[in-house]
Amino acid sequence: MLLTMNFPRGKYPREFRGASLTRTRTILANQHKSSWSHCSFWLSHLGDFYRLTKPEVNLLILMTTSAAYYLATRGAFHVAGLFNTLTGTLLVASGTATLNQWMERVWDGRMRRTANRPLPSGRISSRSALLFGIFLSLAGGLYLALLVNGLSATLAMGILASYLLIYTPLQRRTPFCTLLGAFPGAMPVLIGWAGSSSGLNRQAMYLFAVLLLWQFPHFLAIALMYREDYERAGYRMLPKFDLDSRFTRVEITVFAIVLVAVTVLQTLGQGPAGYTVAMVLAGVFLLLPVMKLGMSASRAHARRLLHASVVYLPAVLVILVLAKH
């Protein structure tokens, strides 16, 4: 092993001097193992910081922002503009998610589905997460202001402020948190629209309405799935009087029907009838699990609705994008 190491003659490291071949091999193996342990430690920490940003949520945010940017484009499509808008939005969204977990770290430790997150599990310190979240948020806002426009930066920072200062604390105070949280949750489409056109119009508000309505069946299904977990941590996601979840299931049904109606009406007279048919089929795909959940308050039906909602939203956006021309 020593023959493969280019030490100057007579300049072997102290631990190798006078060592037997077996001893030398042991020393080298331990050093290699130590180096790999340090590498694994830092890779693990990088993964934990990545998890703080909630990448699965960011994927939906980037998708809705991209669709809005494209739909707002008039004339030549600017790839660089889309890239800058997505980069700034992703930074702010990641910072918001990190700060949200920092604010909820104590209560997340009481829930089975969140107890293993980086903060409640102790893998990342509270101070590190706070600084990381602040850095991402400020960097994203500054990026949008300098490389996109002031309106998109203002909307992004408005999302951060309303999500952290209104929605997050109200989760432990009132079931109306879902309604209030739906507004910042739908605003990424406004960032995308503003990033492309430097303004907002009726079409932008239509997209905002679609995202606003979509969040009710999506997040209320999650609330039904993890009702006991939320209650254990003190979150008031559902009304106390709704013990059999009948009120929540009616709420889901009403919002889902309105959502489907709004998306279908938008495509009427907006090009070939095939787009309207596609939107109707997408609506049926969403309403089937909604109706099943309305008849039976089982966790399995709530999970099926959750999965259907995750498929439905991209389908609607794709249809709108294709129907643009």
C-alpha atoms as a PDB file:
ATOM      1  CA  MET A   1       0.000   0.000   0.000  1.00  0.00           C
ATOM      2  CA  LEU A   2       2.858   2.391   0.806  1.00  0.00           C
ATOM      3  CA  LEU A   3       4.219   1.895  -2.700  1.00  0.00           C
ATOM      4  CA  THR A   4       1.117   3.619  -4.098  1.00  0.00           C
ATOM      5  CA  MET A   5       1.599   6.745  -1.959  1.00  0.00           C
ATOM      6  CA  ASN A   6       4.089   9.367  -3.170  1.00  0.00           C
ATOM      7  CA  PHE A   7       5.780  10.353   0.081  1.00  0.00           C
ATOM      8  CA  PRO A   8       9.316  11.848  -0.256  1.00  0.00           C
ATOM      9  CA  ARG A   9      12.100   9.512   0.809  1.00  0.00           C
ATOM     10  CA  GLY A  10      12.438   9.483   4.572  1.00  0.00           C
ATOM     11  CA  LYS A  11       9.345  11.657   4.948  1.00  0.00           C
ATOM     12  CA  TYR A  12       6.710   9.057   5.764  1.00  0.00           C
ATOM     13  CA  PRO A  13       3.988  10.259   8.155  1.00  0.00           C
ATOM     14  CA  ARG A  14       4.771   9.529  11.805  1.00  0.00           C
ATOM     15  CA  GLU A  15       2.093   6.859  12.128  1.00  0.00           C
ATOM     16  CA  PHE A  16       3.747   4.821   9.307  1.00  0.00           C
ATOM     17  CA  ARG A  17       7.329   4.930  10.623  1.00  0.00           C
ATOM     18  CA  GLY A  18       8.397   1.505  11.818  1.00  0.00           C
ATOM     19  CA  ALA A  19       4.962   0.078  11.184  1.00  0.00           C
ATOM     20  CA  SER A  20       4.495  -3.400   9.810  1.00  0.00           C
ATOM     21  CA  LEU A  21       2.684  -3.966   6.538  1.00  0.00           C
ATOM     22  CA  THR A  22      -0.399  -5.191   8.411  1.00  0.00           C
ATOM     23  CA  ARG A  23      -0.337  -2.191  10.725  1.00  0.00           C
ATOM     24  CA  THR A  24       0.038   0.160   7.748  1.00  0.00           C
ATOM     25  CA  ARG A  25      -2.954  -1.356   6.011  1.00  0.00           C
ATOM     26  CA  THR A  26      -5.037  -0.947   9.181  1.00  0.00           C
ATOM     27  CA  ILE A  27      -4.059   2.719   9.497  1.00  0.00           C
ATOM     28  CA  LEU A  28      -4.959   3.434   5.875  1.00  0.00           C
ATOM     29  CA  ALA A  29      -8.249   1.570   6.156  1.00  0.00           C
ATOM     30  CA  ASN A  30      -9.213   3.554   9.270  1.00  0.00           C
ATOM     31  CA  GLN A  31      -8.341   6.830   7.575  1.00  0.00           C
ATOM     32  CA  HIS A  32     -10.435   5.865   4.549  1.00  0.00           C
ATOM     33  CA  LYS A  33     -13.330   4.913   6.807  1.00  0.00           C
ATOM     34  CA  SER A  34     -13.084   8.197   8.692  1.00  0.00           C
ATOM     35  CA  SER A  35     -13.083  10.212   5.467  1.00  0.00           C
ATOM     36  CA  TRP A  36     -16.154   8.332   4.218  1.00  0.00           C
ATOM     37  CA  SER A  37     -17.949   8.938   7.527  1.00  0.00           C
ATOM     38  CA  HIS A  38     -17.353  12.694   7.252  1.00  0.00           C
ATOM     39  CA  CYS A  39     -18.584  12.651   3.655  1.00  0.00           C
ATOM     40  CA  SER A  40     -21.720  10.706   4.608  1.00  0.00           C
ATOM     41  CA  PHE A  41     -22.368  13.130   7.482  1.00  0.00           C
ATOM     42  CA  TRP A  42     -22.346  16.177   5.215  1.00  0.00           C
ATOM     43  CA  LEU A  43     -24.381  14.463   2.495  1.00  0.00           C
ATOM     44  CA  SER A  44     -26.979  13.540   5.106  1.00  0.00           C
ATOM     45  CA  HIS A  45     -27.110  17.138   6.341  1.00  0.00           C
ATOM     46  CA  LEU A  46     -27.519  18.448   2.809  1.00  0.00           C
ATOM     47  CA  GLY A  47     -30.419  16.047   2.361  1.00  0.00           C
ATOM     48  CA  ASP A  48     -32.026  17.330   5.561  1.00  0.00           C
ATOM     49  CA  PHE A  49     -31.744  20.957   4.451  1.00  0.00           C
ATOM     50  CA  TYR A  50     -33.285  19.913   1.147  1.00  0.00           C
ATOM     51  CA  ARG A  51     -36.203  18.287   3.022  1.00  0.00           C
ATOM     52  CA  LEU A  52     -36.793  21.521   4.916  1.00  0.00           C
ATOM     53  CA  THR A  53     -37.758  23.159   1.617  1.00  0.00           C
ATOM     54  CA  LYS A  54     -40.635  20.671   1.016  1.00  0.00           C
ATOM     55  CA  PRO A  55     -39.607  19.721  -2.545  1.00  0.00           C
ATOM     56  CA  GLU A  56     -42.859  17.876  -3.273  1.00  0.00           C
ATOM     57  CA  VAL A  57     -44.827  21.085  -2.631  1.00  0.00           C
ATOM     58  CA  ASN A  58     -42.328  23.135  -4.633  1.00  0.00           C
ATOM     59  CA  LEU A  59     -42.882  20.879  -7.628  1.00  0.00           C
ATOM     60  CA  LEU A  60     -46.552  21.884  -7.737  1.00  0.00           C
ATOM     61  CA  ILE A  61     -45.617  25.536  -7.216  1.00  0.00           C
ATOM     62  CA  LEU A  62     -43.182  25.476 -10.135  1.00  0.00           C
ATOM     63  CA  MET A  63     -45.759  23.745 -12.313  1.00  0.00           C
ATOM     64  CA  THR A  64     -48.504  26.304 -11.638  1.00  0.00           C
ATOM     65  CA  THR A  65     -46.090  29.224 -11.969  1.00  0.00           C
ATOM     66  CA  SER A  66     -44.822  27.907 -15.325  1.00  0.00           C
ATOM     67  CA  ALA A  67     -48.336  27.446 -16.676  1.00  0.00           C
ATOM     68  CA  ALA A  68     -49.325  30.970 -15.638  1.00  0.00           C
ATOM     69  CA  TYR A  69     -46.182  32.437 -17.192  1.00  0.00           C
ATOM     70  CA  TYR A  70     -46.918  30.737 -20.506  1.00  0.00           C
ATOM     71  CA  LEU A  71     -50.609  31.663 -20.518  1.00  0.00           C
ATOM     72  CA  ALA A  72     -49.734  35.307 -19.831  1.00  0.00           C
ATOM     73  CA  THR A  73     -47.186  35.477 -22.660  1.00  0.00           C
ATOM     74  CA  ARG A  74     -48.156  37.548 -25.678  1.00  0.00           C
ATOM     75  CA  GLY A  75     -45.750  37.353 -28.577  1.00  0.00           C
ATOM     76  CA  ALA A  76     -42.344  35.699 -28.296  1.00  0.00           C
ATOM     77  CA  PHE A  77     -41.815  33.322 -25.384  1.00  0.00           C
ATOM     78  CA  HIS A  78     -38.776  34.260 -23.263  1.00  0.00           C
ATOM     79  CA  VAL A  79     -37.096  31.201 -21.762  1.00  0.00           C
ATOM     80  CA  ALA A  80     -34.723  33.345 -19.693  1.00  0.00           C
ATOM     81  CA  GLY A  81     -37.669  35.202 -18.201  1.00  0.00           C
ATOM     82  CA  LEU A  82     -39.353  31.943 -17.246  1.00  0.00           C
ATOM     83  CA  PHE A  83     -36.128  30.650 -15.717  1.00  0.00           C
ATOM     84  CA  ASN A  84     -35.650  33.785 -13.607  1.00  0.00           C
ATOM     85  CA  THR A  85     -39.281  33.774 -12.479  1.00  0.00           C
ATOM     86  CA  LEU A  86     -39.102  30.116 -11.462  1.00  0.00           C
ATOM     87  CA  THR A  87     -35.759  30.547  -9.700  1.00  0.00           C
ATOM     88  CA  GLY A  88     -36.940  33.456  -7.586  1.00  0.00           C
ATOM     89  CA  THR A  89     -40.258  31.781  -6.823  1.00  0.00           C
ATOM     90  CA  LEU A  90     -38.512  28.556  -5.829  1.00  0.00           C
ATOM     91  CA  LEU A  91     -36.172  30.394  -3.460  1.00  0.00           C
ATOM     92  CA  VAL A  92     -39.025  32.219  -1.713  1.00  0.00           C
ATOM     93  CA  ALA A  93     -41.180  29.067  -1.563  1.00  0.00           C
ATOM     94  CA  SER A  94     -38.279  27.073  -0.114  1.00  0.00           C
ATOM     95  CA  GLY A  95     -37.580  29.766   2.465  1.00  0.00           C
ATOM     96  CA  THR A  96     -41.255  29.936   3.417  1.00  0.00           C
ATOM     97  CA  ALA A  97     -41.441  26.154   3.855  1.00  0.00           C
ATOM     98  CA  THR A  98     -38.286  26.164   5.993  1.00  0.00           C
ATOM     99  CA  LEU A  99     -39.511  28.973   8.240  1.00  0.00           C
ATOM    100  CA  ASN A 100     -42.905  27.279   8.527  1.00  0.00           C
ATOM    101  CA  GLN A 101     -41.231  24.117   9.816  1.00  0.00           C
ATOM    102  CA  TRP A 102     -39.087  26.217  12.156  1.00  0.00           C
ATOM    103  CA  MET A 103     -42.222  27.820  13.634  1.00  0.00           C
ATOM    104  CA  GLU A 104     -43.991  24.451  13.993  1.00  0.00           C
ATOM    105  CA  ARG A 105     -41.015  22.345  15.142  1.00  0.00           C
ATOM    106  CA  VAL A 106     -42.393  21.685  18.632  1.00  0.00           C
ATOM    107  CA  TRP A 107     -45.832  20.574  17.423  1.00  0.00           C
ATOM    108  CA  ASP A 108     -44.432  18.625  14.490  1.00  0.00           C
ATOM    109  CA  GLY A 109     -42.660  16.459  17.064  1.00  0.00           C
ATOM    110  CA  ARG A 110     -46.045  15.384  18.441  1.00  0.00           C
ATOM    111  CA  MET A 111     -47.352  14.101  15.108  1.00  0.00           C
ATOM    112  CA  ARG A 112     -46.444  10.701  13.738  1.00  0.00           C
ATOM    113  CA  ARG A 113     -46.234  11.874  10.128  1.00  0.00           C
ATOM    114  CA  THR A 114     -43.916  14.807  10.919  1.00  0.00           C
ATOM    115  CA  ALA A 115     -41.936  13.615  13.953  1.00  0.00           C
ATOM    116  CA  ASN A 116     -39.047  12.482  11.748  1.00  0.00           C
ATOM    117  CA  ARG A 117     -38.613  15.817  10.024  1.00  0.00           C
ATOM    118  CA  PRO A 118     -35.126  17.346  10.370  1.00  0.00           C
ATOM    119  CA  LEU A 119     -36.058  19.829  13.118  1.00  0.00           C
ATOM    120  CA  PRO A 120     -38.181  17.763  15.560  1.00  0.00           C
ATOM    121  CA  SER A 121     -35.790  14.825  15.162  1.00  0.00           C
ATOM    122  CA  GLY A 122     -32.841  17.054  16.081  1.00  0.00           C
ATOM    123  CA  ARG A 123     -30.824  16.407  12.909  1.00  0.00           C
ATOM    124  CA  ILE A 124     -30.723  20.148  12.194  1.00  0.00           C
ATOM    125  CA  SER A 125     -30.505  22.843  14.844  1.00  0.00           C
ATOM    126  CA  SER A 126     -33.226  25.441  15.215  1.00  0.00           C
ATOM    127  CA  ARG A 127     -30.761  28.283  14.598  1.00  0.00           C
ATOM    128  CA  SER A 128     -29.442  26.720  11.374  1.00  0.00           C
ATOM    129  CA  ALA A 129     -32.959  26.244  10.010  1.00  0.00           C
ATOM    130  CA  LEU A 130     -33.935  29.822  10.894  1.00  0.00           C
ATOM    131  CA  LEU A 131     -30.895  31.316   9.165  1.00  0.00           C
ATOM    132  CA  PHE A 132     -31.358  29.026   6.167  1.00  0.00           C
ATOM    133  CA  GLY A 133     -35.011  30.022   5.784  1.00  0.00           C
ATOM    134  CA  ILE A 134     -34.279  33.746   6.101  1.00  0.00           C
ATOM    135  CA  PHE A 135     -31.457  33.525   3.557  1.00  0.00           C
ATOM    136  CA  LEU A 136     -33.592  31.686   0.976  1.00  0.00           C
ATOM    137  CA  SER A 137     -36.535  34.054   1.410  1.00  0.00           C
ATOM    138  CA  LEU A 138     -34.512  37.262   1.115  1.00  0.00           C
ATOM    139  CA  ALA A 139     -32.451  35.878  -1.770  1.00  0.00           C
ATOM    140  CA  GLY A 140     -35.617  34.932  -3.653  1.00  0.00           C
ATOM    141  CA  GLY A 141     -37.289  38.288  -3.119  1.00  0.00           C
ATOM    142  CA  LEU A 142     -34.165  40.163  -4.183  1.00  0.00           C
ATOM    143  CA  TYR A 143     -33.715  37.875  -7.216  1.00  0.00           C
ATOM    144  CA  LEU A 144     -37.251  38.563  -8.429  1.00  0.00           C
ATOM    145  CA  ALA A 145     -36.922  42.304  -7.846  1.00  0.00           C
ATOM    146  CA  LEU A 146     -33.653  42.591  -9.771  1.00  0.00           C
ATOM    147  CA  LEU A 147     -34.111  40.053 -12.574  1.00  0.00           C
ATOM    148  CA  VAL A 148     -37.893  39.899 -13.093  1.00  0.00           C
ATOM    149  CA  ASN A 149     -39.937  42.857 -11.818  1.00  0.00           C
ATOM    150  CA  GLY A 150     -41.146  44.554  -8.670  1.00  0.00           C
ATOM    151  CA  LEU A 151     -44.691  43.193  -8.867  1.00  0.00           C
ATOM    152  CA  SER A 152     -43.564  39.552  -8.841  1.00  0.00           C
ATOM    153  CA  ALA A 153     -41.219  40.263  -5.921  1.00  0.00           C
ATOM    154  CA  THR A 154     -44.011  42.011  -3.992  1.00  0.00           C
ATOM    155  CA  LEU A 155     -46.392  39.093  -4.575  1.00  0.00           C
ATOM    156  CA  ALA A 156     -43.747  36.569  -3.471  1.00  0.00           C
ATOM    157  CA  MET A 157     -43.006  38.408  -0.244  1.00  0.00           C
ATOM    158  CA  GLY A 158     -46.744  38.791   0.306  1.00  0.00           C
ATOM    159  CA  ILE A 159     -47.072  35.010   0.129  1.00  0.00           C
ATOM    160  CA  LEU A 160     -44.296  34.606   2.687  1.00  0.00           C
ATOM    161  CA  ALA A 161     -45.795  37.130   5.099  1.00  0.00           C
ATOM    162  CA  SER A 162     -49.395  35.889   4.883  1.00  0.00           C
ATOM    163  CA  TYR A 163     -48.414  32.224   5.114  1.00  0.00           C
ATOM    164  CA  LEU A 164     -46.135  32.656   8.117  1.00  0.00           C
ATOM    165  CA  LEU A 165     -47.954  35.420   9.990  1.00  0.00           C
ATOM    166  CA  ILE A 166     -51.581  34.459   9.291  1.00  0.00           C
ATOM    167  CA  TYR A 167     -51.995  30.850   8.185  1.00  0.00           C
ATOM    168  CA  THR A 168     -49.323  29.194  10.338  1.00  0.00           C
ATOM    169  CA  PRO A 169     -50.420  30.572  13.743  1.00  0.00           C
ATOM    170  CA  LEU A 170     -54.131  30.191  12.927  1.00  0.00           C
ATOM    171  CA  GLN A 171     -53.742  26.437  12.381  1.00  0.00           C
ATOM    172  CA  ARG A 172     -53.859  26.034  16.167  1.00  0.00           C
ATOM    173  CA  ARG A 173     -56.699  28.512  16.665  1.00  0.00           C
ATOM    174  CA  THR A 174     -59.458  28.060  14.092  1.00  0.00           C
ATOM    175  CA  PRO A 175     -60.593  25.719  11.288  1.00  0.00           C
ATOM    176  CA  PHE A 176     -60.840  28.821   9.100  1.00  0.00           C
ATOM    177  CA  CYS A 177     -57.076  28.478   8.641  1.00  0.00           C
ATOM    178  CA  THR A 178     -57.723  26.403   5.501  1.00  0.00           C
ATOM    179  CA  LEU A 179     -59.704  29.251   3.954  1.00  0.00           C
ATOM    180  CA  LEU A 180     -57.118  31.865   4.889  1.00  0.00           C
ATOM    181  CA  GLY A 181     -54.212  29.657   3.843  1.00  0.00           C
ATOM    182  CA  ALA A 182     -55.765  29.049   0.431  1.00  0.00           C
ATOM    183  CA  PHE A 183     -55.023  32.643  -0.599  1.00  0.00           C
ATOM    184  CA  PRO A 184     -51.211  32.513  -0.286  1.00  0.00           C
ATOM    185  CA  GLY A 185     -51.377  28.953  -1.612  1.00  0.00           C
ATOM    186  CA  ALA A 186     -52.957  30.170  -4.857  1.00  0.00           C
ATOM    187  CA  MET A 187     -50.708  33.190  -5.368  1.00  0.00           C
ATOM    188  CA  PRO A 188     -47.809  31.486  -7.224  1.00  0.00           C
ATOM    189  CA  VAL A 189     -49.905  31.686 -10.416  1.00  0.00           C
ATOM    190  CA  LEU A 190     -50.022  35.455  -9.935  1.00  0.00           C
ATOM    191  CA  ILE A 191     -46.214  35.525  -9.666  1.00  0.00           C
ATOM    192  CA  GLY A 192     -45.950  33.597 -12.914  1.00  0.00           C
ATOM    193  CA  TRP A 193     -48.429  35.897 -14.647  1.00  0.00           C
ATOM    194  CA  ALA A 194     -46.733  39.036 -13.347  1.00  0.00           C
ATOM    195  CA  GLY A 195     -43.318  37.666 -14.305  1.00  0.00           C
ATOM    196  CA  SER A 196     -44.453  37.324 -17.910  1.00  0.00           C
ATOM    197  CA  SER A 197     -46.657  40.389 -18.388  1.00  0.00           C
ATOM    198  CA  SER A 198     -45.604  42.753 -15.565  1.00  0.00           C
ATOM    199  CA  GLY A 199     -49.268  43.053 -14.611  1.00  0.00           C
ATOM    200  CA  LEU A 200     -52.451  41.202 -13.634  1.00  0.00           C
ATOM    201  CA  ASN A 201     -55.779  40.939 -15.432  1.00  0.00           C
ATOM    202  CA  ARG A 202     -59.033  38.968 -15.412  1.00  0.00           C
ATOM    203  CA  GLN A 203     -57.401  35.821 -16.806  1.00  0.00           C
ATOM    204  CA  ALA A 204     -54.830  35.915 -14.030  1.00  0.00           C
ATOM    205  CA  MET A 205     -57.580  36.131 -11.432  1.00  0.00           C
ATOM    206  CA  TYR A 206     -59.357  33.199 -13.090  1.00  0.00           C
ATOM    207  CA  LEU A 207     -56.243  31.043 -12.621  1.00  0.00           C
ATOM    208  CA  PHE A 208     -56.015  32.297  -9.057  1.00  0.00           C
ATOM    209  CA  ALA A 209     -59.632  31.219  -8.476  1.00  0.00           C
ATOM    210  CA  VAL A 210     -58.927  27.731  -9.858  1.00  0.00           C
ATOM    211  CA  LEU A 211     -55.989  27.259  -7.496  1.00  0.00           C
ATOM    212  CA  LEU A 212     -57.988  28.697  -4.598  1.00  0.00           C
ATOM    213  CA  LEU A 213     -60.892  26.283  -5.117  1.00  0.00           C
ATOM    214  CA  TRP A 214     -58.605  23.291  -5.726  1.00  0.00           C
ATOM    215  CA  GLN A 215     -57.007  23.599  -2.319  1.00  0.00           C
ATOM    216  CA  PHE A 216     -60.200  22.815  -0.402  1.00  0.00           C
ATOM    217  CA  PRO A 217     -60.772  19.222  -1.580  1.00  0.00           C
ATOM    218  CA  HIS A 218     -57.006  18.657  -1.537  1.00  0.00           C
ATOM    219  CA  PHE A 219     -56.173  19.897   1.969  1.00  0.00           C
ATOM    220  CA  LEU A 220     -59.439  18.889   3.617  1.00  0.00           C
ATOM    221  CA  ALA A 221     -58.789  15.338   2.397  1.00  0.00           C
ATOM    222  CA  ILE A 222     -55.416  15.501   4.152  1.00  0.00           C
ATOM    223  CA  ALA A 223     -57.106  16.843   7.282  1.00  0.00           C
ATOM    224  CA  LEU A 224     -59.502  13.888   7.288  1.00  0.00           C
ATOM    225  CA  MET A 225     -56.674  11.396   6.752  1.00  0.00           C
ATOM    226  CA  TYR A 226     -54.641  12.709   9.691  1.00  0.00           C
ATOM    227  CA  ARG A 227     -57.385  14.029  11.943  1.00  0.00           C
ATOM    228  CA  GLU A 228     -56.168  12.243  15.089  1.00  0.00           C
ATOM    229  CA  ASP A 229     -52.583  13.255  14.387  1.00  0.00           C
ATOM    230  CA  TYR A 230     -53.529  16.916  14.028  1.00  0.00           C
ATOM    231  CA  GLU A 231     -55.611  16.840  17.190  1.00  0.00           C
ATOM    232  CA  ARG A 232     -52.722  15.266  19.121  1.00  0.00           C
ATOM    233  CA  ALA A 233     -50.534  18.230  18.192  1.00  0.00           C
ATOM    234  CA  GLY A 234     -53.247  20.806  18.900  1.00  0.00           C
ATOM    235  CA  TYR A 235     -54.003  21.783  15.286  1.00  0.00           C
ATOM    236  CA  ARG A 236     -57.611  22.796  14.634  1.00  0.00           C
ATOM    237  CA  MET A 237     -57.904  21.801  10.991  1.00  0.00           C
ATOM    238  CA  LEU A 238     -61.522  20.597  11.318  1.00  0.00           C
ATOM    239  CA  PRO A 239     -64.482  21.933  13.345  1.00  0.00           C
ATOM    240  CA  LYS A 240     -64.945  20.339  16.772  1.00  0.00           C
ATOM    241  CA  PHE A 241     -68.656  19.830  16.184  1.00  0.00           C
ATOM    242  CA  ASP A 242     -68.014  17.811  13.021  1.00  0.00           C
ATOM    243  CA  LEU A 243     -67.323  14.522  14.796  1.00  0.00           C
ATOM    244  CA  ASP A 244     -68.614  12.353  11.948  1.00  0.00           C
ATOM    245  CA  SER A 245     -66.926  14.641   9.341  1.00  0.00           C
ATOM    246  CA  ARG A 246     -70.252  15.106   7.544  1.00  0.00           C
ATOM    247  CA  PHE A 247     -69.895  18.886   7.419  1.00  0.00           C
ATOM    248  CA  THR A 248     -66.336  18.621   6.040  1.00  0.00           C
ATOM    249  CA  ARG A 249     -67.405  16.102   3.403  1.00  0.00           C
ATOM    250  CA  VAL A 250     -70.213  18.399   2.249  1.00  0.00           C
ATOM    251  CA  GLU A 251     -67.716  21.253   2.148  1.00  0.00           C
ATOM    252  CA  ILE A 252     -65.377  19.185  -0.035  1.00  0.00           C
ATOM    253  CA  THR A 253     -68.233  18.260  -2.377  1.00  0.00           C
ATOM    254  CA  VAL A 254     -69.421  21.856  -2.815  1.00  0.00           C
ATOM    255  CA  PHE A 255     -65.949  23.247  -3.527  1.00  0.00           C
ATOM    256  CA  ALA A 256     -65.153  20.397  -5.920  1.00  0.00           C
ATOM    257  CA  ILE A 257     -68.346  20.920  -7.924  1.00  0.00           C
ATOM    258  CA  VAL A 258     -67.729  24.678  -8.154  1.00  0.00           C
ATOM    259  CA  LEU A 259     -64.116  24.009  -9.192  1.00  0.00           C
ATOM    260  CA  VAL A 260     -65.133  21.658 -11.993  1.00  0.00           C
ATOM    261  CA  ALA A 261     -67.842  24.042 -13.180  1.00  0.00           C
ATOM    262  CA  VAL A 262     -65.422  26.979 -13.308  1.00  0.00           C
ATOM    263  CA  THR A 263     -62.808  25.052 -15.287  1.00  0.00           C
ATOM    264  CA  VAL A 264     -65.334  23.663 -17.774  1.00  0.00           C
ATOM    265  CA  LEU A 265     -67.020  27.037 -18.376  1.00  0.00           C
ATOM    266  CA  GLN A 266     -63.642  28.601 -19.123  1.00  0.00           C
ATOM    267  CA  THR A 267     -63.107  26.302 -22.121  1.00  0.00           C
ATOM    268  CA  LEU A 268     -66.591  26.766 -23.629  1.00  0.00           C
ATOM    269  CA  GLY A 269     -66.230  28.688 -26.865  1.00  0.00           C
ATOM    270  CA  GLN A 270     -62.450  28.931 -26.410  1.00  0.00           C
ATOM    271  CA  GLY A 271     -61.434  26.761 -29.371  1.00  0.00           C
ATOM    272  CA  PRO A 272     -62.196  23.193 -30.425  1.00  0.00           C
ATOM    273  CA  ALA A 273     -64.818  21.315 -28.416  1.00  0.00           C
ATOM    274  CA  GLY A 274     -62.202  18.672 -27.627  1.00  0.00           C
ATOM    275  CA  TYR A 275     -60.740  20.883 -24.915  1.00  0.00           C
ATOM    276  CA  THR A 276     -64.120  21.184 -23.210  1.00  0.00           C
ATOM    277  CA  VAL A 277     -64.582  17.427 -23.404  1.00  0.00           C
ATOM    278  CA  ALA A 278     -61.133  16.914 -21.902  1.00  0.00           C
ATOM    279  CA  MET A 279     -61.957  19.315 -19.060  1.00  0.00           C
ATOM    280  CA  VAL A 280     -65.240  17.492 -18.393  1.00  0.00           C
ATOM    281  CA  LEU A 281     -63.414  14.165 -18.232  1.00  0.00           C
ATOM    282  CA  ALA A 282     -60.875  15.646 -15.827  1.00  0.00           C
ATOM    283  CA  GLY A 283     -63.748  16.899 -13.691  1.00  0.00           C
ATOM    284  CA  VAL A 284     -65.400  13.469 -13.633  1.00  0.00           C
ATOM    285  CA  PHE A 285     -62.058  11.977 -12.584  1.00  0.00           C
ATOM    286  CA  LEU A 286     -62.012  14.323  -9.569  1.00  0.00           C
ATOM    287  CA  LEU A 287     -65.698  14.088  -8.684  1.00  0.00           C
ATOM    288  CA  LEU A 288     -65.818  10.273  -8.503  1.00  0.00           C
ATOM    289  CA  PRO A 289     -63.645  10.022  -5.361  1.00  0.00           C
ATOM    290  CA  VAL A 290     -65.386  13.133  -4.011  1.00  0.00           C
ATOM    291  CA  MET A 291     -68.756  11.384  -4.217  1.00  0.00           C
ATOM    292  CA  LYS A 292     -67.389   8.194  -2.674  1.00  0.00           C
ATOM    293  CA  LEU A 293     -65.970  10.181   0.223  1.00  0.00           C
ATOM    294  CA  GLY A 294     -69.302  11.949   0.598  1.00  0.00           C
ATOM    295  CA  MET A 295     -71.003   8.594   1.125  1.00  0.00           C
ATOM    296  CA  SER A 296     -68.385   7.076   3.427  1.00  0.00           C
ATOM    297  CA  ALA A 297     -65.987   8.865   5.760  1.00  0.00           C
ATOM    298  CA  SER A 298     -63.190   6.346   5.413  1.00  0.00           C
ATOM    299  CA  ARG A 299     -59.519   7.216   5.380  1.00  0.00           C
ATOM    300  CA  ALA A 300     -59.095   5.167   2.203  1.00  0.00           C
ATOM    301  CA  HIS A 301     -61.601   7.352   0.336  1.00  0.00           C
ATOM    302  CA  ALA A 302     -59.873  10.510   1.604  1.00  0.00           C
ATOM    303  CA  ARG A 303     -56.545   9.157   0.344  1.00  0.00           C
ATOM    304  CA  ARG A 304     -58.010   8.402  -3.091  1.00  0.00           C
ATOM    305  CA  LEU A 305     -59.344  11.946  -3.301  1.00  0.00           C
ATOM    306  CA  LEU A 306     -55.925  13.308  -2.337  1.00  0.00           C
ATOM    307  CA  HIS A 307     -54.266  11.333  -5.128  1.00  0.00           C
ATOM    308  CA  ALA A 308     -56.964  12.337  -7.620  1.00  0.00           C
ATOM    309  CA  SER A 309     -56.525  16.022  -6.774  1.00  0.00           C
ATOM    310  CA  VAL A 310     -52.776  15.802  -7.390  1.00  0.00           C
ATOM    311  CA  VAL A 311     -53.464  14.389 -10.869  1.00  0.00           C
ATOM    312  CA  TYR A 312     -56.386  16.717 -11.609  1.00  0.00           C
ATOM    313  CA  LEU A 313     -54.543  20.020 -11.211  1.00  0.00           C
ATOM    314  CA  PRO A 314     -51.753  19.271 -13.745  1.00  0.00           C
ATOM    315  CA  ALA A 315     -54.374  17.920 -16.139  1.00  0.00           C
ATOM    316  CA  VAL A 316     -56.344  21.174 -15.967  1.00  0.00           C
ATOM    317  CA  LEU A 317     -53.226  23.264 -16.495  1.00  0.00           C
ATOM    318  CA  VAL A 318     -52.155  21.183 -19.498  1.00  0.00           C
ATOM    319  CA  ILE A 319     -55.597  21.557 -21.084  1.00  0.00           C
ATOM    320  CA  LEU A 320     -55.513  25.335 -20.560  1.00  0.00           C
ATOM    321  CA  VAL A 321     -52.037  25.574 -22.049  1.00  0.00           C
ATOM    322  CA  LEU A 322     -53.022  23.506 -25.099  1.00  0.00           C
ATOM    323  CA  ALA A 323     -56.236  25.492 -25.534  1.00  0.00           C
ATOM    324  CA  LYS A 324     -54.371  28.820 -25.600  1.00  0.00           C
ATOM    325  CA  HIS A 325     -53.972  28.627 -29.367  1.00  0.00           C
END
